């Protein structure tokens, strides 16, 4: 009987052991069987499995081969029947299709507990030690994204987060890579694609979107295939320096917003360093006008033309902030009900504030840069970076430093004056004599 005959193979799988499929292995030890097969199969790979039947089978499914030449199992052992079931029909428990194995070979041992549960021998397509799965070749990037990745992430991520990445995927990733399977993506082509972007920020976002899709699919399907995104070098980005207001500019802007419909949200934004969505989601019920405590626990975003209210960006973004006394006094005078912006979309809120500042000839920055403004003023006032990060709702200090702190002259001069005072005190000399000759 030939092991290449599928009809005989299926029949033998149903009957039990396929000992005759590889006659030269009968009567030999497990090690010699492996050596024999390894010597005659190009690129042969052998894997030893121990443990319970389902565990061994799960490992086999998790590390799929293009085609197994033989599977050596203990005769009448617990793994025998389980393997035969998986070979003949789909295994719904493990969500796998029938395994592609050309032969099952039984072995006997006086002490089954001291030998592997099974020996798998197969051909690697590219190099010894690497198996590739047919399942990885079943879908291209567009299909993976539309059918699996996007629905899965939509269950776990905020709508605004999904919308932001979805736009980059559809604009940059799918037009170039949508029709490609993961194994078809050449790292050199990928590098050329990244280098072709005009803006480093757009290149980084598009590349990371593709990388997430590829790695998520490899991990989700437990595929043993190369990751083509591993060796890409991203272009250097210019340091980001947001436009911020100084203390005089903040007071001028707030005076100009006096009596305006968006005065309350402007006050909360620039005096607490809130994200735009956090400020626009505030209700008057969130603000304690006695203590100045403001509960930040939601965000209002524009997503696909609709306004949605969702949770805050991270766990630490859900926090209590505190208004300064002058802000509490003014908000008491203009208190209302419901949202402090009224039923106005975040986009319209931002445009309304900008329009008022232009009309009044006032200094103006975006609502995002009002957040940067507060962080920079707090550092300038001597507040520690760890406190600033906490009040901004950041998960770590580095985020506040990298993205929100602008190195202003007042901050640097104050730091130098503090160090100078320490040097003068240590030297025991007047400041003007500090560097005088001894």
Protein backbone atom coordinates (compact mmCIF):
# COMPACT_ATOMS: atom_id res chain seq x y z
CA UNK A 1 0.00 0.00 0.00
CA UNK A 2 1.37 3.41 -0.91
CA UNK A 3 1.28 6.18 1.67
CA UNK A 4 0.47 8.58 -1.15
CA UNK A 5 -2.88 6.91 -1.89
CA UNK A 6 -5.52 9.11 -0.21
CA UNK A 7 -8.31 6.52 -0.41
CA UNK A 8 -6.23 3.84 1.32
CA UNK A 9 -4.98 6.42 3.81
CA UNK A 10 -8.48 7.50 4.83
CA UNK A 11 -9.59 3.91 5.21
CA UNK A 12 -6.58 3.03 7.34
CA UNK A 13 -7.15 6.08 9.54
CA UNK A 14 -10.61 4.78 10.33
CA UNK A 15 -9.34 1.27 11.03
CA UNK A 16 -6.54 2.29 13.34
CA UNK A 17 -2.78 2.22 13.03
CA UNK A 18 -1.15 2.78 9.64
CA UNK A 19 1.91 0.64 10.36
CA UNK A 20 2.29 -0.50 6.79
CA UNK A 21 2.46 3.05 5.48
CA UNK A 22 6.16 3.21 6.33
CA UNK A 23 7.19 -0.47 6.47
CA UNK A 24 10.84 0.21 7.28
CA UNK A 25 9.84 1.61 10.67
CA UNK A 26 8.14 -1.47 12.05
CA UNK A 27 9.89 -3.06 14.98
CA UNK A 28 12.30 -0.20 15.47
CA UNK A 29 12.75 2.06 18.45
CA UNK A 30 11.28 5.52 18.51
CA UNK A 31 14.71 7.11 18.08
CA UNK A 32 15.67 4.91 15.13
CA UNK A 33 12.34 5.58 13.44
CA UNK A 34 13.00 9.28 13.70
CA UNK A 35 16.53 8.84 12.38
CA UNK A 36 15.32 6.79 9.43
CA UNK A 37 12.66 9.28 8.44
CA UNK A 38 14.97 12.20 9.08
CA UNK A 39 17.56 10.73 6.77
CA UNK A 40 15.23 10.26 3.84
CA UNK A 41 13.05 13.37 4.07
CA UNK A 42 14.54 16.69 2.87
CA UNK A 43 14.27 19.42 5.46
CA UNK A 44 12.88 16.95 7.97
CA UNK A 45 11.69 18.33 11.29
CA UNK A 46 10.90 16.27 14.35
CA UNK A 47 8.94 17.38 17.39
CA UNK A 48 8.44 15.40 20.57
CA UNK A 49 5.25 15.87 22.56
CA UNK A 50 4.43 14.79 26.08
CA UNK A 51 1.35 15.15 28.22
CA UNK A 52 -2.35 14.55 28.01
CA UNK A 53 -3.87 13.68 24.61
CA UNK A 54 -5.71 16.96 24.19
CA UNK A 55 -2.64 18.94 25.23
CA UNK A 56 -0.46 17.10 22.73
CA UNK A 57 -3.03 17.57 19.99
CA UNK A 58 -3.38 21.25 20.87
CA UNK A 59 0.37 21.68 20.51
CA UNK A 60 0.21 19.98 17.14
CA UNK A 61 -2.55 22.35 16.03
CA UNK A 62 -0.71 25.38 17.42
CA UNK A 63 2.40 24.47 15.42
CA UNK A 64 0.90 23.37 12.11
CA UNK A 65 2.93 21.89 9.26
CA UNK A 66 2.28 22.18 5.56
CA UNK A 67 2.31 18.43 5.39
CA UNK A 68 3.38 15.86 7.96
CA UNK A 69 5.10 12.79 6.60
CA UNK A 70 4.43 10.66 9.66
CA UNK A 71 3.07 10.82 13.15
CA UNK A 72 4.49 8.26 15.58
CA UNK A 73 2.25 7.49 18.53
CA UNK A 74 2.08 4.82 21.22
CA UNK A 75 0.02 1.82 20.12
CA UNK A 76 -3.34 1.78 21.89
CA UNK A 77 -2.23 4.75 23.98
CA UNK A 78 -4.62 7.57 24.94
CA UNK A 79 -3.28 9.79 22.16
CA UNK A 80 -3.88 7.19 19.46
CA UNK A 81 -7.64 7.47 19.21
CA UNK A 82 -7.62 11.21 19.72
CA UNK A 83 -5.21 11.72 16.85
CA UNK A 84 -7.22 9.45 14.57
CA UNK A 85 -10.36 11.45 15.26
CA UNK A 86 -8.63 14.71 14.38
CA UNK A 87 -7.18 13.24 11.20
CA UNK A 88 -10.50 11.98 9.87
CA UNK A 89 -12.84 14.86 10.69
CA UNK A 90 -12.76 18.49 11.86
CA UNK A 91 -12.09 18.88 15.56
CA UNK A 92 -14.56 21.45 16.84
CA UNK A 93 -13.12 21.43 20.35
CA UNK A 94 -9.79 22.70 19.05
CA UNK A 95 -11.29 24.60 16.08
CA UNK A 96 -9.04 22.89 13.57
CA UNK A 97 -9.58 21.24 10.22
CA UNK A 98 -8.45 17.63 9.67
CA UNK A 99 -4.72 17.48 10.16
CA UNK A 100 -2.68 16.73 7.06
CA UNK A 101 -0.62 13.66 7.94
CA UNK A 102 0.44 11.05 5.40
CA UNK A 103 0.99 8.24 7.88
CA UNK A 104 0.54 7.25 11.49
CA UNK A 105 3.09 4.84 12.89
CA UNK A 106 2.58 2.99 16.16
CA UNK A 107 5.31 2.17 18.63
CA UNK A 108 5.29 -0.01 21.71
CA UNK A 109 7.08 0.52 24.98
CA UNK A 110 7.19 -1.42 28.23
CA UNK A 111 7.07 1.86 30.13
CA UNK A 112 4.94 4.39 28.21
CA UNK A 113 5.38 7.01 30.91
CA UNK A 114 9.06 7.47 30.06
CA UNK A 115 8.68 8.14 26.35
CA UNK A 116 7.16 10.99 24.38
CA UNK A 117 3.45 10.84 23.67
CA UNK A 118 4.02 11.38 19.99
CA UNK A 119 6.68 12.10 17.44
CA UNK A 120 5.77 14.36 14.55
CA UNK A 121 7.88 14.33 11.41
CA UNK A 122 7.33 16.68 8.52
CA UNK A 123 8.84 18.75 5.74
CA UNK A 124 9.57 22.44 6.24
CA UNK A 125 8.89 24.57 3.17
CA UNK A 126 11.71 27.07 3.61
CA UNK A 127 14.20 25.85 6.17
CA UNK A 128 14.56 23.11 8.78
CA UNK A 129 12.78 23.99 11.97
CA UNK A 130 10.15 26.23 10.38
CA UNK A 131 6.63 25.07 9.61
CA UNK A 132 4.21 27.19 7.64
CA UNK A 133 0.45 26.96 7.92
CA UNK A 134 -1.97 26.81 5.02
CA UNK A 135 -4.30 28.86 7.16
CA UNK A 136 -1.91 31.82 6.96
CA UNK A 137 -2.25 31.82 3.18
CA UNK A 138 -6.04 31.75 3.15
CA UNK A 139 -6.54 35.48 3.57
CA UNK A 140 -4.91 38.66 2.38
CA UNK A 141 -4.41 41.78 4.50
CA UNK A 142 -7.72 43.34 3.44
CA UNK A 143 -9.66 40.20 4.36
CA UNK A 144 -7.88 39.83 7.68
CA UNK A 145 -8.61 43.47 8.48
CA UNK A 146 -12.25 43.59 7.40
CA UNK A 147 -13.39 40.16 8.56
CA UNK A 148 -11.37 39.68 11.74
CA UNK A 149 -9.19 42.53 12.99
CA UNK A 150 -11.60 45.48 12.71
CA UNK A 151 -14.62 43.69 14.26
CA UNK A 152 -12.45 42.37 17.10
CA UNK A 153 -10.89 45.75 17.90
CA UNK A 154 -14.27 47.48 17.64
CA UNK A 155 -15.42 45.40 20.60
CA UNK A 156 -12.49 46.43 22.80
CA UNK A 157 -11.50 49.96 21.77
CA UNK A 158 -13.24 53.31 21.98
CA UNK A 159 -15.09 54.30 18.78
CA UNK A 160 -12.87 57.37 18.35
CA UNK A 161 -9.72 55.23 18.63
CA UNK A 162 -11.00 52.75 16.05
CA UNK A 163 -12.05 55.56 13.70
CA UNK A 164 -8.61 57.17 13.88
CA UNK A 165 -6.75 54.02 12.93
CA UNK A 166 -9.37 52.93 10.41
CA UNK A 167 -8.86 56.11 8.41
CA UNK A 168 -5.10 55.50 8.20
CA UNK A 169 -5.59 51.85 7.21
CA UNK A 170 -8.02 52.72 4.41
CA UNK A 171 -6.01 55.68 3.18
CA UNK A 172 -2.52 54.17 3.25
CA UNK A 173 -2.38 50.47 4.14
CA UNK A 174 -5.10 48.76 2.11
CA UNK A 175 -4.37 50.48 -1.22
CA UNK A 176 -0.78 49.17 -1.10
CA UNK A 177 -0.97 45.92 0.87
CA UNK A 178 -4.64 44.91 0.88
CA UNK A 179 -4.29 42.25 -1.82
CA UNK A 180 -1.11 40.76 -0.30
CA UNK A 181 -0.90 37.77 2.00
CA UNK A 182 1.45 38.17 4.95
CA UNK A 183 4.08 35.87 3.43
CA UNK A 184 4.02 37.92 0.22
CA UNK A 185 5.11 41.15 1.92
CA UNK A 186 8.78 41.73 1.20
CA UNK A 187 10.61 43.70 3.94
CA UNK A 188 12.50 45.71 1.31
CA UNK A 189 9.24 46.71 -0.38
CA UNK A 190 7.85 47.61 3.01
CA UNK A 191 10.85 49.83 3.76
CA UNK A 192 10.48 51.54 0.39
CA UNK A 193 6.80 52.19 1.12
CA UNK A 194 7.60 53.75 4.51
CA UNK A 195 10.34 55.92 3.00
CA UNK A 196 7.92 57.21 0.37
CA UNK A 197 5.76 59.19 2.81
CA UNK A 198 6.13 62.97 2.81
CA UNK A 199 5.50 63.25 6.54
CA UNK A 200 7.28 61.13 9.12
CA UNK A 201 4.23 61.11 11.38
CA UNK A 202 1.98 59.69 8.66
CA UNK A 203 4.60 57.06 7.81
CA UNK A 204 4.85 55.96 11.43
CA UNK A 205 1.09 55.72 11.92
CA UNK A 206 0.49 53.80 8.67
CA UNK A 207 3.37 51.40 9.37
CA UNK A 208 2.19 50.75 12.93
CA UNK A 209 -1.33 50.06 11.69
CA UNK A 210 -0.02 47.43 9.27
CA UNK A 211 2.29 46.00 11.92
CA UNK A 212 -0.59 45.62 14.37
CA UNK A 213 -2.70 43.76 11.81
CA UNK A 214 0.14 41.41 10.85
CA UNK A 215 1.26 40.62 14.41
CA UNK A 216 -2.30 40.28 15.69
CA UNK A 217 -3.08 37.71 12.99
CA UNK A 218 0.15 35.76 13.55
CA UNK A 219 -0.50 35.69 17.28
CA UNK A 220 -4.24 34.95 16.99
CA UNK A 221 -3.69 32.01 14.65
CA UNK A 222 -0.40 30.94 16.25
CA UNK A 223 1.32 30.99 12.90
CA UNK A 224 5.00 30.13 12.66
CA UNK A 225 5.83 32.45 9.79
CA UNK A 226 8.29 35.34 9.48
CA UNK A 227 7.05 38.79 10.50
CA UNK A 228 7.86 41.11 7.56
CA UNK A 229 7.46 44.23 9.72
CA UNK A 230 10.35 43.39 12.05
CA UNK A 231 13.22 45.19 10.38
CA UNK A 232 11.66 48.41 9.11
CA UNK A 233 13.42 51.65 10.05
CA UNK A 234 11.08 54.59 10.57
CA UNK A 235 12.05 58.10 9.46
CA UNK A 236 13.08 60.55 12.17
CA UNK A 237 10.37 62.98 13.24
CA UNK A 238 10.89 66.67 13.93
CA UNK A 239 10.53 67.53 17.63
CA UNK A 240 6.99 68.63 18.38
CA UNK A 241 6.74 72.11 19.90
CA UNK A 242 3.10 73.03 20.48
CA UNK A 243 1.99 76.64 20.47
CA UNK A 244 1.08 77.68 24.00
CA UNK A 245 -0.06 80.84 25.76
CA UNK A 246 1.80 82.55 28.56
CA UNK A 247 0.04 83.62 31.76
CA UNK A 248 -0.84 87.04 30.31
CA UNK A 249 -2.29 85.41 27.20
CA UNK A 250 -4.49 83.08 29.28
CA UNK A 251 -6.00 85.91 31.32
CA UNK A 252 -6.60 87.97 28.15
CA UNK A 253 -8.36 85.06 26.47
CA UNK A 254 -10.59 84.35 29.47
CA UNK A 255 -11.60 88.03 29.71
CA UNK A 256 -12.51 87.95 26.03
CA UNK A 257 -14.72 84.89 26.56
CA UNK A 258 -16.74 86.69 29.27
CA UNK A 259 -20.45 86.11 28.65
CA UNK A 260 -19.86 83.86 25.64
CA UNK A 261 -21.79 80.57 25.33
CA UNK A 262 -18.51 78.64 25.47
CA UNK A 263 -17.03 80.52 28.42
CA UNK A 264 -17.47 77.64 30.88
CA UNK A 265 -15.72 75.07 28.69
CA UNK A 266 -12.89 77.52 27.93
CA UNK A 267 -12.38 78.08 31.67
CA UNK A 268 -12.32 74.34 32.42
CA UNK A 269 -10.01 73.57 29.50
CA UNK A 270 -7.30 76.09 30.20
CA UNK A 271 -7.36 75.95 34.01
CA UNK A 272 -7.29 72.14 34.38
CA UNK A 273 -5.48 70.92 31.27
CA UNK A 274 -8.34 68.74 30.06
CA UNK A 275 -8.42 66.93 26.74
CA UNK A 276 -10.92 68.41 24.31
CA UNK A 277 -13.25 65.43 24.58
CA UNK A 278 -13.08 65.49 28.39
CA UNK A 279 -13.94 69.19 28.56
CA UNK A 280 -16.83 68.86 26.10
CA UNK A 281 -18.28 65.91 28.05
CA UNK A 282 -18.45 67.79 31.37
CA UNK A 283 -21.86 68.42 32.83
CA UNK A 284 -22.71 70.93 35.52
CA UNK A 285 -23.37 67.94 37.76
CA UNK A 286 -19.71 66.93 37.41
CA UNK A 287 -18.57 70.23 38.94
CA UNK A 288 -18.70 70.80 42.70
CA UNK A 289 -18.93 74.58 42.95
CA UNK A 290 -18.21 74.47 46.68
CA UNK A 291 -14.98 72.50 46.69
CA UNK A 292 -13.92 73.03 43.07
CA UNK A 293 -13.68 69.28 42.43
CA UNK A 294 -14.44 68.25 38.86
CA UNK A 295 -15.08 64.57 38.09
CA UNK A 296 -13.55 63.63 34.74
CA UNK A 297 -15.01 60.26 33.74
CA UNK A 298 -16.09 60.44 30.09
CA UNK A 299 -15.20 61.91 26.73
CA UNK A 300 -17.30 63.37 23.91
CA UNK A 301 -16.01 62.77 20.39
CA UNK A 302 -16.98 63.32 16.77
CA UNK A 303 -16.87 59.95 15.00
CA UNK A 304 -17.94 59.60 11.39
CA UNK A 305 -20.21 62.63 11.51
CA UNK A 306 -21.86 61.57 14.77
CA UNK A 307 -21.19 62.70 18.32
CA UNK A 308 -20.54 59.85 20.75
CA UNK A 309 -19.92 59.85 24.49
CA UNK A 310 -17.43 57.21 25.60
CA UNK A 311 -15.10 56.42 28.46
CA UNK A 312 -11.88 58.27 29.10
CA UNK A 313 -8.72 57.43 27.16
CA UNK A 314 -7.07 55.34 29.90
CA UNK A 315 -7.83 54.20 33.44
CA UNK A 316 -5.73 57.04 34.86
CA UNK A 317 -7.62 59.53 32.71
CA UNK A 318 -10.65 58.93 34.93
CA UNK A 319 -9.75 61.31 37.72
CA UNK A 320 -10.72 64.28 39.86
CA UNK A 321 -9.37 67.70 38.94
CA UNK A 322 -9.67 70.91 40.95
CA UNK A 323 -10.53 74.39 39.75
CA UNK A 324 -8.66 77.48 40.97
CA UNK A 325 -10.66 79.85 43.17
CA UNK A 326 -11.24 82.53 40.51
CA UNK A 327 -12.69 79.87 38.16
CA UNK A 328 -15.05 78.56 40.86
CA UNK A 329 -16.35 82.07 41.50
CA UNK A 330 -17.06 82.74 37.82
CA UNK A 331 -18.69 79.34 37.19
CA UNK A 332 -21.05 79.94 40.11
CA UNK A 333 -22.27 83.05 38.32
CA UNK A 334 -22.97 81.28 35.02
CA UNK A 335 -23.99 77.82 36.24
CA UNK A 336 -26.53 75.96 34.16
CA UNK A 337 -27.87 72.45 33.61
CA UNK A 338 -26.76 69.55 31.46
CA UNK A 339 -23.60 69.79 29.38
CA UNK A 340 -21.51 72.90 30.02
CA UNK A 341 -21.30 73.31 26.22
CA UNK A 342 -25.00 72.78 25.64
CA UNK A 343 -25.88 70.25 22.97
CA UNK A 344 -23.05 71.38 20.68
CA UNK A 345 -20.58 69.04 18.99
CA UNK A 346 -16.91 69.21 20.05
CA UNK A 347 -15.92 70.43 16.58
CA UNK A 348 -18.38 73.33 16.77
CA UNK A 349 -17.24 74.14 20.32
CA UNK A 350 -13.64 74.51 19.13
CA UNK A 351 -14.66 76.63 16.13
CA UNK A 352 -16.82 78.86 18.32
CA UNK A 353 -13.95 79.61 20.74
CA UNK A 354 -11.56 80.31 17.86
CA UNK A 355 -14.08 82.63 16.18
CA UNK A 356 -14.64 84.62 19.40
CA UNK A 357 -10.91 85.08 19.99
CA UNK A 358 -10.38 86.31 16.43
CA UNK A 359 -13.32 88.66 16.65
CA UNK A 360 -11.98 90.14 19.90
CA UNK A 361 -8.36 90.23 18.70
CA UNK A 362 -7.30 87.89 21.48
CA UNK A 363 -4.45 85.38 21.63
CA UNK A 364 -5.76 81.94 20.75
CA UNK A 365 -4.61 78.32 20.73
CA UNK A 366 -6.55 75.14 19.99
CA UNK A 367 -8.30 73.28 22.80
CA UNK A 368 -5.56 70.66 22.61
CA UNK A 369 -2.93 73.35 23.09
CA UNK A 370 -4.88 74.78 26.04
CA UNK A 371 -3.93 71.47 27.67
CA UNK A 372 -0.28 72.04 26.69
CA UNK A 373 -0.58 75.60 28.02
CA UNK A 374 -1.72 74.47 31.45
CA UNK A 375 1.06 71.86 31.71
CA UNK A 376 3.74 74.39 30.74
CA UNK A 377 2.44 77.03 33.16
CA UNK A 378 2.32 74.46 35.96
CA UNK A 379 5.99 73.55 35.43
CA UNK A 380 6.86 77.24 35.21
CA UNK A 381 5.13 77.76 38.56
CA UNK A 382 7.37 75.12 40.13
CA UNK A 383 4.99 72.14 40.13
CA UNK A 384 6.77 68.77 39.89
CA UNK A 385 6.50 66.82 36.65
CA UNK A 386 4.99 63.83 38.47
CA UNK A 387 2.14 66.01 39.79
CA UNK A 388 1.56 67.51 36.36
CA UNK A 389 1.39 64.03 34.80
CA UNK A 390 -1.10 62.91 37.45
CA UNK A 391 -3.36 65.92 36.92
CA UNK A 392 -3.23 65.48 33.14
CA UNK A 393 -4.31 61.85 33.56
CA UNK A 394 -1.20 60.34 31.99
CA UNK A 395 -0.16 56.75 32.56
CA UNK A 396 3.48 57.75 33.05
CA UNK A 397 5.66 60.81 33.51
CA UNK A 398 7.44 60.50 30.17
CA UNK A 399 4.25 61.27 28.23
CA UNK A 400 3.89 64.62 29.97
CA UNK A 401 7.54 65.46 29.40
CA UNK A 402 7.69 64.36 25.76
CA UNK A 403 4.47 65.92 24.54
CA UNK A 404 3.22 68.60 26.90
CA UNK A 405 6.10 70.51 28.43
CA UNK A 406 7.46 73.44 26.43
CA UNK A 407 10.96 74.58 27.57
CA UNK A 408 10.21 78.23 28.26
CA UNK A 409 12.75 80.82 29.37
CA UNK A 410 11.11 81.33 32.77
CA UNK A 411 11.35 77.62 33.56
CA UNK A 412 15.04 77.40 32.58
CA UNK A 413 16.01 80.63 34.38
CA UNK A 414 14.24 79.51 37.57
CA UNK A 415 16.10 76.19 37.44
CA UNK A 416 19.46 77.94 37.02
CA UNK A 417 18.72 80.34 39.86
CA UNK A 418 17.97 77.41 42.16
CA UNK A 419 21.24 75.65 41.21
CA UNK A 420 23.16 78.92 41.55
CA UNK A 421 21.78 79.41 45.04
CA UNK A 422 23.01 75.95 46.01
CA UNK A 423 26.52 76.69 44.64
CA UNK A 424 26.72 80.01 46.46
CA UNK A 425 25.62 78.45 49.71
CA UNK A 426 28.17 75.65 49.32
CA UNK A 427 31.05 78.07 48.56
CA UNK A 428 30.23 80.37 51.44
CA UNK A 429 30.96 83.41 49.25
CA UNK A 430 28.85 86.19 47.80
CA UNK A 431 27.52 85.46 44.31
CA UNK A 432 29.85 87.99 42.67
CA UNK A 433 32.88 86.34 44.32
CA UNK A 434 31.98 82.75 43.42
CA UNK A 435 34.48 82.48 40.53
CA UNK A 436 37.08 84.88 41.91
CA UNK A 437 40.67 83.65 42.19
CA UNK A 438 41.54 82.06 45.50
